[in-house]
Protein backbone atom coordinates (compact mmCIF):
# COMPACT_ATOMS: atom_id res chain seq x y z
CA MET A 1 0.11 0.20 0.15
CA GLN A 2 1.38 3.30 -0.93
CA ALA A 3 1.38 5.95 1.91
CA ASP A 4 0.79 9.57 1.80
CA VAL A 5 4.17 11.33 2.69
CA LEU A 6 3.64 14.61 4.59
CA ARG A 7 5.98 17.00 5.97
CA VAL A 8 4.67 18.45 9.07
CA PRO A 9 5.63 21.88 11.16
CA VAL A 10 6.27 21.60 14.52
CA GLY A 11 8.37 24.49 15.70
CA PRO A 12 11.95 23.78 15.20
CA GLY A 13 11.68 22.10 12.00
CA ALA A 14 9.36 19.61 10.21
CA MET A 15 8.44 15.98 10.78
CA HIS A 16 8.24 13.40 8.57
CA VAL A 17 5.04 11.34 8.42
CA GLU A 18 3.82 8.74 6.42
CA ARG A 19 -0.01 8.61 6.23
CA PHE A 20 -1.86 4.96 5.47
CA GLY A 21 -5.70 5.05 4.58
CA HIS A 22 -8.57 6.97 5.86
CA GLY A 23 -11.17 7.10 8.37
CA GLY A 24 -11.52 4.86 11.75
CA THR A 25 -9.42 5.49 14.34
CA ALA A 26 -6.19 7.17 14.33
CA VAL A 27 -3.03 4.85 14.90
CA ILE A 28 0.11 6.78 15.74
CA LEU A 29 2.91 4.47 15.26
CA ILE A 30 6.29 5.58 16.72
CA HIS A 31 9.88 4.36 16.52
CA GLY A 32 12.58 3.82 19.07
CA PHE A 33 16.27 4.54 18.90
CA GLY A 34 18.54 3.53 15.83
CA THR A 35 14.89 2.82 13.53
CA SER A 36 12.57 5.04 11.92
CA SER A 37 9.07 5.07 10.72
CA PHE A 38 10.82 2.21 8.39
CA LEU A 39 10.13 0.12 11.25
CA TRP A 40 6.23 0.11 10.67
CA ARG A 41 5.92 -0.79 7.03
CA ASN A 42 4.17 -4.06 7.42
CA VAL A 43 2.27 -3.38 10.55
CA ALA A 44 0.77 0.20 9.65
CA PRO A 45 -1.19 -1.58 6.22
CA ALA A 46 -2.77 -4.41 8.08
CA ILE A 47 -4.61 -1.54 10.48
CA THR A 48 -5.29 0.42 7.46
CA ASP A 49 -7.20 -3.01 5.81
CA ALA A 50 -9.18 -3.07 8.79
CA GLY A 51 -10.80 0.15 8.32
CA HIS A 52 -8.71 2.66 10.22
CA THR A 53 -5.76 5.55 9.64
CA ALA A 54 -2.12 4.77 10.50
CA TYR A 55 0.42 7.57 10.88
CA ALA A 56 4.07 6.28 11.08
CA ILE A 57 6.09 9.19 12.53
CA ASP A 58 9.75 9.92 12.07
CA LEU A 59 10.51 11.42 16.26
CA PHE A 60 12.36 14.46 15.16
CA GLY A 61 16.25 14.33 14.36
CA HIS A 62 15.23 10.77 13.37
CA GLY A 63 14.87 9.38 9.55
CA GLU A 64 14.03 12.05 7.08
CA SER A 65 12.41 14.18 9.68
CA ASP A 66 14.44 17.73 10.01
CA ARG A 67 17.77 17.78 12.62
CA SER A 68 18.24 21.34 13.47
CA VAL A 69 21.29 22.44 15.06
CA ASP A 70 20.97 22.99 18.52
CA ALA A 71 17.10 21.57 18.56
CA ASP A 72 16.16 19.44 21.76
CA PHE A 73 15.93 15.76 20.70
CA GLY A 74 14.96 14.47 24.14
CA ILE A 75 11.75 12.68 25.44
CA ALA A 76 9.95 15.89 26.69
CA ALA A 77 10.93 17.84 23.43
CA GLN A 78 9.04 15.02 21.34
CA ALA A 79 6.25 14.93 23.03
CA GLU A 80 5.71 18.26 22.54
CA TYR A 81 6.52 17.63 18.70
CA LEU A 82 4.13 15.04 18.88
CA ASP A 83 1.73 17.08 20.47
CA ALA A 84 2.03 19.73 17.57
CA ALA A 85 2.30 17.14 14.54
CA MET A 86 -1.27 15.69 15.59
CA THR A 87 -2.68 19.52 15.43
CA ALA A 88 -1.29 19.89 12.28
CA LEU A 89 -2.47 16.40 10.96
CA ARG A 90 -5.98 17.19 12.40
CA VAL A 91 -5.91 14.39 14.71
CA ALA A 92 -7.84 15.25 17.92
CA ARG A 93 -7.06 11.87 19.86
CA GLY A 94 -5.44 8.82 18.56
CA LEU A 95 -4.13 5.12 19.52
CA VAL A 96 -0.48 5.92 20.25
CA VAL A 97 1.78 3.01 19.98
CA GLY A 98 5.30 2.96 20.66
CA VAL A 99 8.70 1.11 20.42
CA ASP A 100 11.24 1.45 22.97
CA ILE A 101 11.75 4.88 23.66
CA GLY A 102 8.97 5.64 21.69
CA GLY A 103 7.05 4.37 24.16
CA ASP A 104 8.26 6.99 26.99
CA VAL A 105 7.11 9.72 24.67
CA ALA A 106 4.03 7.94 24.17
CA LEU A 107 3.71 7.69 27.82
CA ARG A 108 4.66 11.32 28.39
CA LEU A 109 2.37 12.62 25.65
CA ALA A 110 -0.55 10.65 27.85
CA ALA A 111 0.54 12.25 30.81
CA THR A 112 0.69 15.69 30.33
CA ARG A 113 -2.10 15.87 27.19
CA PRO A 114 -4.60 13.23 28.28
CA GLU A 115 -7.05 14.53 26.18
CA ARG A 116 -4.74 13.56 22.48
CA VAL A 117 -4.47 9.59 23.78
CA GLU A 118 -7.28 7.17 23.72
CA LYS A 119 -5.12 3.80 24.17
CA LEU A 120 -1.26 3.14 24.74
CA VAL A 121 0.44 0.24 23.33
CA LEU A 122 4.01 0.11 24.94
CA VAL A 123 6.16 -2.40 23.20
CA ASN A 124 9.63 -3.56 25.03
CA THR A 125 9.49 0.48 26.58
CA PRO A 126 12.07 1.38 29.11
CA ALA A 127 11.34 3.04 32.13
CA PHE A 128 12.03 4.15 35.94
CA ASP A 129 15.72 3.19 36.58
CA GLU A 130 16.39 1.48 33.15
CA LEU A 131 15.60 4.65 31.18
CA PRO A 132 17.82 5.12 29.13
CA ALA A 133 18.13 1.12 28.11
CA ARG A 134 21.41 -0.27 27.76
CA ASP A 135 22.32 0.03 24.29
CA VAL A 136 21.95 4.07 24.91
CA THR A 137 23.96 3.80 28.20
CA GLN A 138 27.07 2.31 26.62
CA MET A 139 26.90 4.94 23.82
CA GLN A 140 26.68 7.28 26.19
CA ARG A 141 29.29 6.64 27.94
CA SER A 142 31.62 6.00 25.27
CA THR A 143 30.88 9.27 22.97
CA ALA A 144 34.31 10.39 22.93
CA LYS A 145 35.77 6.69 22.22
CA PHE A 146 33.20 6.08 19.05
CA ALA A 147 33.73 9.83 17.85
CA PHE A 148 37.86 9.33 17.70
CA ARG A 149 37.60 5.20 16.67
CA THR A 150 34.72 5.38 14.41
CA THR A 151 35.83 5.83 10.73
CA ARG A 152 34.73 9.60 9.39
CA GLY A 153 33.39 8.31 6.02
CA VAL A 154 29.84 8.07 4.78
CA LEU A 155 29.13 4.70 7.01
CA GLY A 156 30.83 6.08 9.97
CA ALA A 157 27.86 5.22 11.78
CA ALA A 158 27.23 1.76 10.87
CA PRO A 159 29.18 0.26 13.36
CA LEU A 160 27.18 1.48 16.02
CA ILE A 161 23.70 0.88 14.26
CA GLU A 162 24.56 -2.36 13.43
CA GLY A 163 25.30 -3.21 17.23
CA VAL A 164 22.07 -1.71 18.45
CA LEU A 165 19.74 -3.22 15.48
CA LYS A 166 21.19 -6.90 16.24
CA GLY A 167 20.84 -6.75 19.88
CA SER A 168 17.43 -5.78 18.91
CA VAL A 169 16.11 -9.21 17.66
CA SER A 170 16.17 -12.79 18.71
CA ASP A 171 18.52 -14.23 15.97
CA PRO A 172 20.79 -11.12 14.19
CA GLU A 173 21.67 -13.38 11.37
CA THR A 174 18.44 -14.20 10.16
CA ARG A 175 16.26 -11.25 11.44
CA MET A 176 18.80 -8.15 11.06
CA PRO A 177 20.63 -9.53 7.80
CA VAL A 178 23.08 -7.00 6.20
CA LYS A 179 20.40 -5.45 3.87
CA LEU A 180 18.09 -4.62 6.43
CA ILE A 181 20.66 -2.83 8.57
CA ALA A 182 21.88 -0.62 5.41
CA ARG A 183 18.23 0.37 5.29
CA TYR A 184 17.97 1.88 8.73
CA LEU A 185 21.57 3.11 8.65
CA ALA A 186 20.37 5.18 5.41
CA PRO A 187 19.15 8.29 7.86
CA PHE A 188 22.79 8.53 9.31
CA ALA A 189 24.60 8.39 6.24
CA GLY A 190 27.37 10.98 5.31
CA ARG A 191 30.03 12.62 7.32
CA ASP A 192 27.83 14.16 10.41
CA GLY A 193 25.85 10.81 10.71
CA VAL A 194 27.90 9.46 13.57
CA ASN A 195 28.02 12.57 15.16
CA HIS A 196 24.01 12.77 14.80
CA LEU A 197 23.65 9.31 16.06
CA LEU A 198 25.97 10.37 19.22
CA ALA A 199 23.85 13.40 19.76
CA LEU A 200 20.52 11.46 19.79
CA ALA A 201 21.52 9.15 22.50
CA SER A 202 22.96 11.94 24.69
CA SER A 203 19.53 13.30 24.20
CA ILE A 204 17.78 10.45 26.04
CA ASN A 205 17.51 11.12 29.62
CA ALA A 206 15.57 9.60 32.23
CA ASP A 207 15.33 13.44 33.83
CA ASP A 208 12.57 13.71 30.87
CA MET A 209 10.24 11.48 33.17
CA GLU A 210 11.03 12.22 36.74
CA ASP A 211 7.75 14.32 36.98
CA ILE A 212 5.70 11.87 35.08
CA ASP A 213 3.37 9.68 37.77
CA LEU A 214 2.35 6.77 35.63
CA SER A 215 -0.48 6.29 38.34
CA THR A 216 -2.06 9.16 36.65
CA ILE A 217 -2.65 7.77 33.20
CA HIS A 218 -5.73 6.04 33.70
CA VAL A 219 -6.39 5.02 29.73
CA PRO A 220 -6.27 1.49 28.62
CA ALA A 221 -2.45 0.53 28.41
CA LEU A 222 -1.22 -2.64 26.51
CA ILE A 223 2.43 -3.76 27.52
CA VAL A 224 3.96 -5.75 24.63
CA TRP A 225 7.60 -7.44 25.37
CA GLY A 226 9.44 -9.31 23.32
CA ASP A 227 11.06 -11.77 25.76
CA GLU A 228 14.45 -11.80 23.91
CA ASP A 229 15.30 -7.94 24.39
CA GLN A 230 18.69 -8.00 25.29
CA TRP A 231 18.67 -3.72 26.53
CA VAL A 232 16.01 -3.76 28.95
CA ASP A 233 15.37 -6.47 31.85
CA ARG A 234 12.18 -8.78 30.76
CA LYS A 235 10.93 -7.65 34.71
CA MET A 236 10.41 -4.05 33.43
CA ALA A 237 7.23 -5.34 31.87
CA ASP A 238 5.42 -6.32 35.08
CA ARG A 239 6.79 -3.24 36.49
CA LEU A 240 5.12 -1.44 33.77
CA VAL A 241 1.88 -3.08 33.79
CA ASN A 242 1.64 -2.84 37.72
CA ALA A 243 2.57 1.12 37.89
CA LEU A 244 -0.51 1.64 34.79
CA PRO A 245 -3.66 1.53 36.90
CA ASP A 246 -5.78 0.09 33.26
CA GLY A 247 -2.81 -2.06 32.00
CA ARG A 248 -2.07 -5.46 30.62
CA LEU A 249 0.77 -7.67 29.58
CA VAL A 250 1.36 -9.82 26.44
CA ARG A 251 5.08 -11.59 26.65
CA ILE A 252 6.03 -12.83 23.20
CA PRO A 253 8.60 -15.45 23.79
CA GLY A 254 11.28 -15.77 20.93
CA ILE A 255 11.11 -12.32 19.82
CA GLY A 256 13.51 -9.28 20.71
CA ARG A 257 12.48 -5.58 20.88
CA LEU A 258 11.66 -4.80 17.63
CA VAL A 259 8.39 -6.88 17.50
CA PRO A 260 7.06 -4.96 14.04
CA GLU A 261 10.17 -6.05 12.50
CA GLU A 262 10.11 -9.79 13.63
CA ASN A 263 6.76 -10.50 13.70
CA PRO A 264 4.40 -7.82 11.95
CA GLU A 265 1.61 -10.22 11.51
CA GLN A 266 1.50 -10.51 15.82
CA MET A 267 1.49 -6.91 16.58
CA SER A 268 -0.88 -6.04 13.53
CA SER A 269 -3.17 -8.49 15.51
CA LEU A 270 -2.56 -7.17 19.07
CA VAL A 271 -3.14 -3.59 18.10
CA LEU A 272 -6.35 -4.51 16.25
CA ASP A 273 -7.80 -6.72 19.13
CA PHE A 274 -6.84 -4.18 21.81
CA MET A 275 -8.56 -1.38 19.84
CA LYS A 276 -11.89 -3.42 20.37
CA ARG A 277 -10.97 -3.31 24.52
CA ARG A 278 -13.36 -1.38 26.50
CA ALA A 279 -11.61 0.81 29.35
CA VAL A 280 -11.93 -0.73 33.24
CA ALA A 281 -14.73 1.43 34.78
């Protein structure tokens, strides 16, 4: 299915949005660290086939969205950008799905702009003392080393992205082949790719979620957890579902963090089934 490609102004620049379909419920799809809206390529069409509209968004500074100099790429800022994007898209309210830090952006939006969020789906979302996740903290601790050692050529970010992606799937050899890594690497190609990737990693800070009380988020929330995630402890799924007033948990064995990449059919089914669930009174 061909998506409508949109450029949506959000203040410091524009966000890249791919809109699939029209009508029904608006489903906002948010990727995580090291990926982009490309992650949703096999999920968004299934949502559209069910009669809804899917919006696959590149977070600001990621994918094909702008990366303005000195812009804030942190979780709190991304939630504000997402709110602005929904206004520009004329989406008053929707079901918001986030993978990894995309889930943190979704949580913050639900807490600060509750009128925007009908339901939440959080996929392997780091929180509490595990935010940022280990892939990001490793990169943050070694920023100077990476900047010095990594080649400054057009594919300089390749070793960093490859490490993140391979640790995000259950079987790197079959689930994250070289051609797929190259596709996710594309936004970081160029001589500034390494520095920009490191800047995105540095922007992820637990402080952006310190003022958020998850117990105040009363919308239905589905926590989807790929149990082969190498970056966040599997106990995080239980901590999240216990912290949210109307949360439920689905664990997926044999799958890593990138559930939409490894098993888009199950990811689509979980979202569509959850759309039919009513909130707890």
